[in-house]
Amino acid sequence: MTDTQLPTHWTLQRIRDVSRDQEAVVLCTERTVKWVAGLGAHEVLRPEIVLGFHGLCLVKLVDDEDWYMGSVYDDGSIDCWAAYDELYEALRGL
């Protein structure tokens, strides 16, 4: 994947440096992503960017500036349980 699929002013190497995960990758957005925090029905989310980190991921949604942290399952689906205002903060939270 190219840096054009990353947030403005970010490169994959910068994401790897901040997260301290040199194997971080950009993942395909064609997958089921759900918000599972809290009680009630799980909300299905529309991902714009998905970054993978050894079973964890960060998801940027279409029309939303927040970053959502979650788990990537064997079938490629993602359950998110935390949200961050900024990518830097989310990367440090991994």
Protein backbone atom coordinates (compact mmCIF):
# COMPACT_ATOMS: atom_id res chain seq x y z
CA MET A 1 0.00 0.00 0.00
CA THR A 2 1.20 3.52 -0.65
CA ASP A 3 1.50 6.49 1.66
CA THR A 4 -1.38 8.15 -0.24
CA GLN A 5 -3.73 5.79 1.64
CA LEU A 6 -2.42 7.11 4.96
CA PRO A 7 -3.50 10.20 6.88
CA THR A 8 -2.11 13.52 5.68
CA HIS A 9 1.50 14.10 6.80
CA TRP A 10 1.97 10.47 7.86
CA THR A 11 4.15 7.80 6.26
CA LEU A 12 4.18 4.12 7.08
CA GLN A 13 7.68 4.52 8.51
CA ARG A 14 6.54 7.33 10.82
CA ILE A 15 3.61 5.16 11.98
CA ARG A 16 6.07 2.33 12.67
CA ASP A 17 8.41 4.65 14.57
CA VAL A 18 5.69 6.16 16.79
CA SER A 19 4.03 2.80 17.47
CA ARG A 20 7.41 1.08 17.97
CA ASP A 21 6.12 -1.71 15.70
CA GLN A 22 8.34 -2.07 12.65
CA GLU A 23 5.91 -4.59 11.16
CA ALA A 24 2.87 -2.27 11.17
CA VAL A 25 0.91 -2.48 7.92
CA VAL A 26 -1.96 -0.81 6.10
CA LEU A 27 -4.86 -3.25 5.86
CA CYS A 28 -7.69 -3.47 3.36
CA THR A 29 -10.83 -1.56 4.36
CA GLU A 30 -13.15 -4.16 2.82
CA ARG A 31 -13.99 -5.89 6.09
CA THR A 32 -16.61 -5.85 8.85
CA VAL A 33 -15.78 -3.33 11.58
CA LYS A 34 -17.95 -2.98 14.69
CA TRP A 35 -17.96 -0.70 17.73
CA VAL A 36 -18.49 -3.04 20.71
CA ALA A 37 -17.80 -0.80 23.72
CA GLY A 38 -20.68 -0.23 26.09
CA LEU A 39 -24.01 -1.95 26.36
CA GLY A 40 -26.53 -2.54 23.62
CA ALA A 41 -26.30 -3.48 19.97
CA HIS A 42 -22.95 -3.33 18.25
CA GLU A 43 -22.68 -0.53 15.71
CA VAL A 44 -21.27 -1.35 12.26
CA LEU A 45 -18.63 1.20 11.21
CA ARG A 46 -17.40 2.32 7.76
CA PRO A 47 -13.58 2.28 7.72
CA GLU A 48 -11.58 4.70 5.59
CA ILE A 49 -8.13 3.60 6.83
CA VAL A 50 -7.14 0.45 8.76
CA LEU A 51 -3.67 0.04 10.27
CA GLY A 52 -2.60 -3.38 11.59
CA PHE A 53 -0.29 -4.08 14.55
CA HIS A 54 0.09 -7.81 15.41
CA GLY A 55 -3.59 -8.56 16.04
CA LEU A 56 -4.50 -5.04 17.11
CA CYS A 57 -5.55 -2.30 14.75
CA LEU A 58 -6.42 1.37 14.46
CA VAL A 59 -9.36 2.35 12.29
CA LYS A 60 -10.16 5.79 10.86
CA LEU A 61 -13.78 6.05 9.81
CA VAL A 62 -15.31 7.79 6.84
CA ASP A 63 -16.48 11.27 7.95
CA ASP A 64 -14.97 10.95 11.45
CA GLU A 65 -11.68 12.36 12.72
CA ASP A 66 -11.34 9.89 15.63
CA TRP A 67 -9.23 6.72 15.56
CA TYR A 68 -10.72 3.49 16.92
CA MET A 69 -8.62 0.72 18.49
CA GLY A 70 -9.65 -2.88 18.15
CA SER A 71 -8.78 -6.51 17.53
CA VAL A 72 -8.45 -8.15 14.13
CA TYR A 73 -9.86 -11.67 14.04
CA ASP A 74 -8.86 -14.61 11.84
CA ASP A 75 -11.76 -13.93 9.46
CA GLY A 76 -10.55 -10.32 8.99
CA SER A 77 -13.35 -8.72 10.99
CA ILE A 78 -12.59 -6.08 13.61
CA ASP A 79 -14.18 -5.27 16.96
CA CYS A 80 -13.29 -1.78 18.27
CA TRP A 81 -13.52 -0.89 21.94
CA ALA A 82 -11.61 2.40 22.39
CA ALA A 83 -11.47 5.76 20.58
CA TYR A 84 -8.76 8.41 20.39
CA ASP A 85 -8.86 12.01 19.15
CA GLU A 86 -5.50 11.85 17.37
CA LEU A 87 -3.50 9.21 15.53
CA TYR A 88 -0.35 9.95 17.55
CA GLU A 89 -2.24 9.36 20.81
CA ALA A 90 -3.77 6.14 19.43
CA LEU A 91 -0.38 4.83 18.27
CA ARG A 92 1.12 5.46 21.71
CA GLY A 93 -1.87 3.67 23.27
CA LEU A 94 -1.15 0.39 21.47
